[in-house]
Amino acid sequence: MTRVAIVTGASGGIGYAVATQLAKDGMTVLVHYSGNKVRADQIVSEITEAGGTASAFQADVAESSQISALFDEVERLYGGVDVVVNTAAISSTAALADLNLDDLDRMHRINIRGTFVVSQQAARRLRPGGALINFSSTVVRLGTPTYTAYVASKGAVEAMTLALAKEMRGRDVTVNTVAPGATVTPMFLEGRTQEAIDAATQAPPLGRIGTPADVASVVAFLAGPARWINGQVIRVNGGVAA
């Protein structure tokens, strides 16, 4: 039986890499997007032209009714779901003393509530042998200045990982969180100086910045053969932080 995966935020840099990697691994992929329909349709076309199966669906990850409808659509089209990868997130940086609380509310809504809403449907619907993979960030460990609100939102994702894995006892479903380091994506590059990008490139012992493919390979491992990794936060950062 072909495994079926939902990838939220699939129109983004890491989401795209994850969606196409899972399709290469033989999975049917539901490409979720929030607003960029053109990009989502392009990803579906790329997957299908390479011989895979995919479709796109628009939803607000923080709205339970919309995410429920997304899962309904996957079950209608493909019979069920085996893998859920929740890459959808937003970021805003400012020192805590200067932070606009509206930015905090937006990050809370997408990064915490959105992760919870998607995870709730996954917990109810993933088939035996399934995997839920949420996303945090290595900056949770690094404590980078101006990221206080963002790491607060991602720290919440890390905190729920083991608890949810234990709640899935008896279901044969794994729950893990991937926490990338600096990765070349539009969200990472936006507003950064070349000096900051160069510093991020030199930080890992491997002497380069991460790529979306680096992250996608770890997700594919957790989504497929890694059945004995459960309740963990996996830091994918080239050695910047443990």
Protein backbone atom coordinates (compact mmCIF):
# COMPACT_ATOMS: atom_id res chain seq x y z
CA MET A 1 0.00 0.00 0.00
CA THR A 2 1.31 3.42 -0.98
CA ARG A 3 1.94 5.64 2.02
CA VAL A 4 0.22 9.02 2.06
CA ALA A 5 1.80 12.18 3.47
CA ILE A 6 0.48 15.63 4.32
CA VAL A 7 3.08 18.42 4.27
CA THR A 8 1.91 21.73 5.70
CA GLY A 9 3.68 24.86 4.52
CA ALA A 10 4.79 22.93 1.46
CA SER A 11 5.08 26.07 -0.65
CA GLY A 12 7.98 27.25 1.55
CA GLY A 13 11.63 26.37 1.15
CA ILE A 14 11.89 23.46 3.59
CA GLY A 15 8.30 22.37 2.95
CA TYR A 16 8.98 22.11 -0.76
CA ALA A 17 12.10 20.02 -0.19
CA VAL A 18 10.19 17.72 2.17
CA ALA A 19 7.23 17.29 -0.19
CA THR A 20 9.39 16.45 -3.20
CA GLN A 21 11.66 14.14 -1.17
CA LEU A 22 8.72 12.13 0.19
CA ALA A 23 7.32 11.90 -3.34
CA LYS A 24 10.68 10.57 -4.56
CA ASP A 25 10.46 8.00 -1.79
CA GLY A 26 7.20 6.77 -3.31
CA MET A 27 4.67 8.52 -1.09
CA THR A 28 1.52 10.23 -2.29
CA VAL A 29 1.73 13.85 -1.11
CA LEU A 30 -0.89 16.40 -0.15
CA VAL A 31 0.72 19.81 -0.67
CA HIS A 32 -0.77 22.22 1.86
CA TYR A 33 -0.47 25.96 1.32
CA SER A 34 -1.79 29.06 3.03
CA GLY A 35 -1.86 31.65 0.25
CA ASN A 36 0.55 30.81 -2.58
CA LYS A 37 -1.64 28.69 -4.86
CA VAL A 38 0.59 29.20 -7.88
CA ARG A 39 3.60 27.80 -6.04
CA ALA A 40 1.59 24.88 -4.63
CA ASP A 41 0.30 23.97 -8.09
CA GLN A 42 3.85 24.13 -9.45
CA ILE A 43 4.98 21.63 -6.79
CA VAL A 44 2.09 19.30 -7.60
CA SER A 45 3.01 19.50 -11.30
CA GLU A 46 6.66 18.77 -10.55
CA ILE A 47 5.76 15.70 -8.51
CA THR A 48 3.26 14.34 -11.03
CA GLU A 49 5.53 14.99 -14.01
CA ALA A 50 8.19 12.90 -12.24
CA GLY A 51 5.71 10.02 -11.97
CA GLY A 52 4.38 10.67 -8.47
CA THR A 53 0.94 11.46 -7.10
CA ALA A 54 0.09 14.75 -5.43
CA SER A 55 -2.61 17.34 -4.95
CA ALA A 56 -2.85 20.75 -3.28
CA PHE A 57 -5.13 22.07 -0.57
CA GLN A 58 -5.46 25.54 0.96
CA ALA A 59 -6.08 25.92 4.67
CA ASP A 60 -5.28 28.07 7.67
CA VAL A 61 -3.35 25.75 9.99
CA ALA A 62 -4.76 27.49 13.06
CA GLU A 63 -8.40 26.91 12.06
CA SER A 64 -9.60 23.52 13.23
CA SER A 65 -12.46 23.29 10.73
CA GLN A 66 -10.16 23.96 7.79
CA ILE A 67 -7.56 21.42 8.90
CA SER A 68 -10.30 18.87 9.53
CA ALA A 69 -11.48 19.48 5.96
CA LEU A 70 -7.91 18.99 4.72
CA PHE A 71 -7.71 15.58 6.40
CA ASP A 72 -11.18 14.72 5.07
CA GLU A 73 -9.95 15.48 1.56
CA VAL A 74 -6.87 13.28 1.95
CA GLU A 75 -9.01 10.40 3.18
CA ARG A 76 -11.48 10.91 0.32
CA LEU A 77 -8.78 11.01 -2.35
CA TYR A 78 -6.31 8.47 -1.02
CA GLY A 79 -8.03 6.40 1.66
CA GLY A 80 -6.08 7.62 4.69
CA VAL A 81 -2.93 9.29 5.92
CA ASP A 82 0.35 7.80 7.18
CA VAL A 83 2.69 10.77 7.58
CA VAL A 84 2.07 14.35 8.67
CA VAL A 85 4.93 16.86 8.41
CA ASN A 86 4.10 20.25 9.87
CA THR A 87 6.59 22.78 8.47
CA ALA A 88 4.22 25.78 8.48
CA ALA A 89 5.60 28.60 10.64
CA ILE A 90 6.25 32.33 10.75
CA SER A 91 9.02 34.36 12.35
CA SER A 92 9.44 37.91 13.59
CA THR A 93 12.52 39.24 15.34
CA ALA A 94 12.90 41.99 17.92
CA ALA A 95 14.34 42.38 21.38
CA LEU A 96 11.72 41.46 23.95
CA ALA A 97 11.64 45.02 25.32
CA ASP A 98 10.79 46.35 21.85
CA LEU A 99 8.51 43.56 20.62
CA ASN A 100 5.16 44.45 19.11
CA LEU A 101 2.77 42.14 20.92
CA ASP A 102 0.74 41.72 17.73
CA ASP A 103 3.77 39.93 16.29
CA LEU A 104 3.83 37.67 19.34
CA ASP A 105 0.15 36.86 18.83
CA ARG A 106 0.70 36.01 15.15
CA MET A 107 3.57 33.65 15.97
CA HIS A 108 1.58 32.08 18.78
CA ARG A 109 -1.33 31.51 16.41
CA ILE A 110 0.65 29.81 13.65
CA ASN A 111 3.58 28.25 15.47
CA ILE A 112 1.80 26.98 18.59
CA ARG A 113 -1.93 26.83 17.86
CA GLY A 114 -1.30 25.77 14.25
CA THR A 115 1.03 22.98 15.32
CA PHE A 116 -1.49 21.88 17.93
CA VAL A 117 -4.44 21.90 15.50
CA VAL A 118 -2.56 19.88 12.87
CA SER A 119 -1.21 17.50 15.52
CA GLN A 120 -4.71 17.00 16.92
CA GLN A 121 -6.04 15.80 13.58
CA ALA A 122 -2.92 13.67 13.06
CA ALA A 123 -3.38 12.07 16.49
CA ARG A 124 -6.94 11.17 15.59
CA ARG A 125 -6.35 9.93 12.05
CA LEU A 126 -2.84 8.61 11.41
CA ARG A 127 -2.88 4.95 10.43
CA PRO A 128 -0.78 2.34 12.28
CA GLY A 129 2.85 2.67 11.25
CA GLY A 130 2.38 6.41 10.90
CA ALA A 131 4.60 9.35 11.79
CA LEU A 132 3.95 12.91 12.93
CA ILE A 133 6.89 15.28 12.44
CA ASN A 134 6.62 18.82 13.76
CA PHE A 135 9.15 21.63 13.43
CA SER A 136 11.10 23.67 15.94
CA SER A 137 14.39 25.54 15.47
CA THR A 138 17.95 25.29 16.72
CA VAL A 139 17.70 28.88 17.98
CA VAL A 140 15.74 27.45 20.91
CA ARG A 141 19.07 26.08 22.15
CA LEU A 142 21.25 28.95 20.98
CA GLY A 143 19.26 31.68 22.71
CA THR A 144 19.94 34.12 19.89
CA PRO A 145 19.12 37.73 20.80
CA THR A 146 16.02 39.22 19.13
CA TYR A 147 14.50 35.74 18.73
CA THR A 148 12.94 35.63 22.21
CA ALA A 149 9.32 35.49 21.05
CA TYR A 150 10.08 33.05 18.24
CA VAL A 151 11.96 30.62 20.50
CA ALA A 152 9.11 30.83 23.01
CA SER A 153 6.74 29.61 20.30
CA LYS A 154 9.09 26.87 19.13
CA GLY A 155 9.96 25.82 22.67
CA ALA A 156 6.27 25.01 23.11
CA VAL A 157 6.45 22.64 20.14
CA GLU A 158 9.44 20.86 21.64
CA ALA A 159 7.69 20.57 25.00
CA MET A 160 4.65 18.80 23.55
CA THR A 161 6.68 16.24 21.57
CA LEU A 162 7.34 13.58 24.19
CA ALA A 163 3.96 14.05 25.88
CA LEU A 164 2.12 13.47 22.60
CA ALA A 165 4.33 10.49 21.75
CA LYS A 166 3.26 8.92 25.06
CA GLU A 167 -0.38 9.74 24.37
CA MET A 168 -0.08 7.70 21.16
CA ARG A 169 0.80 4.53 23.10
CA GLY A 170 -0.62 1.44 21.42
CA ARG A 171 -1.23 3.19 18.08
CA ASP A 172 2.14 2.38 16.43
CA VAL A 173 2.58 6.08 15.59
CA THR A 174 5.79 8.00 16.21
CA VAL A 175 5.94 11.69 17.15
CA ASN A 176 9.16 13.67 16.67
CA THR A 177 10.26 17.25 16.13
CA VAL A 178 12.93 18.43 13.71
CA ALA A 179 14.83 21.58 14.73
CA PRO A 180 16.87 22.96 11.81
CA GLY A 181 19.72 25.39 12.18
CA ALA A 182 20.39 28.17 9.69
CA THR A 183 19.04 26.95 6.35
CA VAL A 184 19.06 28.74 3.00
CA THR A 185 15.37 29.57 2.58
CA PRO A 186 13.54 32.81 1.73
CA MET A 187 12.45 33.14 5.37
CA PHE A 188 16.06 32.87 6.56
CA LEU A 189 17.48 35.27 3.97
CA GLU A 190 14.80 37.97 4.38
CA GLY A 191 16.28 41.09 5.93
CA ARG A 192 19.71 39.56 6.65
CA THR A 193 22.95 41.31 5.79
CA GLN A 194 25.67 39.49 3.89
CA GLU A 195 27.78 39.70 7.03
CA ALA A 196 25.12 37.81 9.00
CA ILE A 197 24.80 35.19 6.28
CA ASP A 198 28.58 34.72 6.22
CA ALA A 199 28.62 34.27 10.00
CA ALA A 200 25.90 31.64 9.79
CA THR A 201 27.87 29.87 7.08
CA GLN A 202 31.01 29.67 9.23
CA ALA A 203 29.27 28.65 12.47
CA PRO A 204 28.87 24.90 11.80
CA PRO A 205 32.02 22.74 12.10
CA LEU A 206 31.21 21.49 8.60
CA GLY A 207 31.88 25.00 7.31
CA ARG A 208 28.73 25.60 5.31
CA ILE A 209 25.15 26.68 5.74
CA GLY A 210 22.35 24.13 5.72
CA THR A 211 20.11 23.45 2.74
CA PRO A 212 16.46 22.41 2.62
CA ALA A 213 17.60 19.05 1.23
CA ASP A 214 19.67 18.48 4.40
CA VAL A 215 16.52 18.88 6.47
CA ALA A 216 14.31 16.88 4.11
CA SER A 217 16.62 13.87 4.33
CA VAL A 218 16.14 13.73 8.10
CA VAL A 219 12.37 14.11 7.74
CA ALA A 220 12.32 11.27 5.21
CA PHE A 221 14.21 9.06 7.67
CA LEU A 222 11.74 9.82 10.46
CA ALA A 223 8.81 9.34 8.08
CA GLY A 224 10.04 5.97 6.87
CA PRO A 225 12.52 3.56 8.43
CA ALA A 226 13.13 5.32 11.77
CA ARG A 227 10.49 3.44 13.77
CA TRP A 228 12.50 3.35 17.00
CA ILE A 229 13.03 7.11 17.20
CA ASN A 230 10.08 8.51 19.10
CA GLY A 231 9.37 11.53 21.29
CA GLN A 232 12.62 13.20 20.26
CA VAL A 233 13.80 16.62 19.11
CA ILE A 234 16.33 16.15 16.31
CA ARG A 235 18.63 19.14 15.78
CA VAL A 236 19.63 19.38 12.12
CA ASN A 237 22.29 22.07 12.20
CA GLY A 238 25.68 20.72 11.15
CA GLY A 239 26.99 20.70 14.72
CA VAL A 240 26.20 24.25 15.86
CA ALA A 241 24.25 23.01 18.89
CA ALA A 242 23.42 19.67 20.48
